[in-house]
Amino acid sequence: MILAFAIMSDKPDITEVTTFDKTKLKKTETQEKNTLPTKETIEQEKTTES
């Protein structure tokens, strides 16, 4: 049985990273989808559960 192993060096190959063109990326707007409840909301829920 013959096994083929990929040759790995100590340092990763970063040629693709160094030649990457950031100008080709699209601009996107970040939207927060799941916000954490405020302290007041938590207190209100605690009082309604009791």
N, C-alpha and C. Protein backbone atom coordinates (compact mmCIF):
# COMPACT_ATOMS: atom_id res chain seq x y z
N MET A 1 0.85 -1.18 0.00
CA MET A 1 0.00 0.00 0.00
C MET A 1 0.89 1.24 0.00
N ILE A 2 0.62 2.19 -0.89
CA ILE A 2 1.41 3.41 -1.00
C ILE A 2 0.58 4.57 -0.46
N LEU A 3 1.16 5.32 0.46
CA LEU A 3 0.48 6.48 1.03
C LEU A 3 1.12 7.76 0.50
N ALA A 4 0.30 8.72 0.11
CA ALA A 4 0.81 10.01 -0.36
C ALA A 4 0.59 11.05 0.73
N PHE A 5 1.64 11.72 1.11
CA PHE A 5 1.55 12.75 2.14
C PHE A 5 1.84 14.11 1.53
N ALA A 6 1.10 15.09 1.93
CA ALA A 6 1.37 16.46 1.48
C ALA A 6 2.57 16.98 2.24
N ILE A 7 3.44 17.66 1.52
CA ILE A 7 4.63 18.21 2.16
C ILE A 7 4.23 19.49 2.87
N MET A 8 4.48 19.53 4.17
CA MET A 8 4.14 20.70 4.97
C MET A 8 5.42 21.29 5.55
N SER A 9 5.48 22.59 5.50
CA SER A 9 6.63 23.24 6.10
C SER A 9 6.21 23.88 7.41
N ASP A 10 7.18 24.44 8.11
CA ASP A 10 6.88 25.10 9.38
C ASP A 10 6.10 26.39 9.18
N LYS A 11 6.29 27.03 8.03
CA LYS A 11 5.60 28.28 7.74
C LYS A 11 4.56 28.05 6.66
N PRO A 12 3.33 28.56 6.87
CA PRO A 12 2.29 28.38 5.86
C PRO A 12 2.58 29.19 4.60
N ASP A 13 2.02 28.76 3.50
CA ASP A 13 2.17 29.44 2.22
C ASP A 13 1.19 30.62 2.19
N ILE A 14 1.70 31.83 2.17
CA ILE A 14 0.84 33.02 2.22
C ILE A 14 0.88 33.81 0.91
N THR A 15 1.22 33.17 -0.18
CA THR A 15 1.29 33.89 -1.45
C THR A 15 -0.07 34.42 -1.88
N GLU A 16 -1.14 33.66 -1.64
CA GLU A 16 -2.48 34.12 -2.00
C GLU A 16 -2.89 35.32 -1.16
N VAL A 17 -2.48 35.33 0.09
CA VAL A 17 -2.84 36.43 0.98
C VAL A 17 -2.12 37.71 0.57
N THR A 18 -0.87 37.60 0.22
CA THR A 18 -0.10 38.79 -0.15
C THR A 18 -0.54 39.37 -1.49
N THR A 19 -1.11 38.56 -2.36
CA THR A 19 -1.54 39.06 -3.68
C THR A 19 -3.03 39.38 -3.71
N PHE A 20 -3.72 39.29 -2.58
CA PHE A 20 -5.16 39.54 -2.53
C PHE A 20 -5.47 41.02 -2.76
N ASP A 21 -6.45 41.31 -3.59
CA ASP A 21 -6.82 42.68 -3.91
C ASP A 21 -8.06 43.08 -3.11
N LYS A 22 -7.88 43.91 -2.08
CA LYS A 22 -8.99 44.33 -1.23
C LYS A 22 -9.96 45.25 -1.95
N THR A 23 -9.55 45.87 -3.03
CA THR A 23 -10.45 46.79 -3.74
C THR A 23 -11.59 46.07 -4.44
N LYS A 24 -11.46 44.76 -4.62
CA LYS A 24 -12.52 43.99 -5.28
C LYS A 24 -13.63 43.58 -4.31
N LEU A 25 -13.46 43.85 -3.03
CA LEU A 25 -14.48 43.49 -2.06
C LEU A 25 -15.64 44.49 -2.11
N LYS A 26 -16.83 44.01 -1.82
CA LYS A 26 -18.01 44.87 -1.79
C LYS A 26 -18.15 45.48 -0.40
N LYS A 27 -18.67 46.68 -0.33
CA LYS A 27 -18.94 47.32 0.95
C LYS A 27 -20.27 46.80 1.48
N THR A 28 -20.28 46.38 2.74
CA THR A 28 -21.51 45.88 3.33
C THR A 28 -21.80 46.63 4.63
N GLU A 29 -23.05 46.70 4.96
CA GLU A 29 -23.48 47.32 6.20
C GLU A 29 -23.71 46.22 7.24
N THR A 30 -23.10 46.38 8.39
CA THR A 30 -23.27 45.40 9.46
C THR A 30 -24.57 45.70 10.20
N GLN A 31 -25.37 44.66 10.38
CA GLN A 31 -26.63 44.81 11.10
C GLN A 31 -26.65 43.84 12.27
N GLU A 32 -26.88 44.39 13.46
CA GLU A 32 -26.94 43.54 14.65
C GLU A 32 -28.32 42.90 14.69
N LYS A 33 -28.34 41.57 14.74
CA LYS A 33 -29.61 40.86 14.66
C LYS A 33 -30.17 40.46 16.02
N ASN A 34 -29.30 40.13 16.96
CA ASN A 34 -29.77 39.64 18.24
C ASN A 34 -29.14 40.46 19.35
N THR A 35 -29.84 41.48 19.78
CA THR A 35 -29.29 42.34 20.82
C THR A 35 -29.58 41.74 22.19
N LEU A 36 -28.72 42.05 23.13
CA LEU A 36 -28.92 41.58 24.50
C LEU A 36 -29.95 42.45 25.19
N PRO A 37 -30.74 41.88 26.10
CA PRO A 37 -31.74 42.69 26.80
C PRO A 37 -31.07 43.68 27.75
N THR A 38 -31.74 44.79 27.97
CA THR A 38 -31.21 45.78 28.89
C THR A 38 -31.45 45.32 30.33
N LYS A 39 -30.82 46.00 31.25
CA LYS A 39 -30.97 45.66 32.67
C LYS A 39 -32.42 45.85 33.10
N GLU A 40 -33.05 46.88 32.57
CA GLU A 40 -34.45 47.15 32.92
C GLU A 40 -35.37 46.04 32.41
N THR A 41 -35.11 45.54 31.23
CA THR A 41 -35.92 44.46 30.67
C THR A 41 -35.79 43.20 31.51
N ILE A 42 -34.58 42.90 31.95
CA ILE A 42 -34.36 41.71 32.78
C ILE A 42 -35.10 41.85 34.11
N GLU A 43 -35.01 43.01 34.71
CA GLU A 43 -35.71 43.23 35.99
C GLU A 43 -37.22 43.14 35.81
N GLN A 44 -37.73 43.67 34.70
CA GLN A 44 -39.16 43.61 34.44
C GLN A 44 -39.62 42.17 34.27
N GLU A 45 -38.84 41.36 33.57
CA GLU A 45 -39.20 39.96 33.38
C GLU A 45 -39.14 39.18 34.68
N LYS A 46 -38.20 39.52 35.55
CA LYS A 46 -38.10 38.85 36.85
C LYS A 46 -39.34 39.13 37.69
N THR A 47 -39.81 40.37 37.65
CA THR A 47 -40.98 40.72 38.47
C THR A 47 -42.26 40.11 37.91
N THR A 48 -42.37 39.95 36.61
CA THR A 48 -43.59 39.37 36.04
C THR A 48 -43.63 37.86 36.21
N GLU A 49 -42.48 37.21 36.34
CA GLU A 49 -42.45 35.76 36.51
C GLU A 49 -42.81 35.34 37.93
N SER A 50 -42.56 36.19 38.90
CA SER A 50 -42.80 35.82 40.30
C SER A 50 -44.25 35.87 40.67
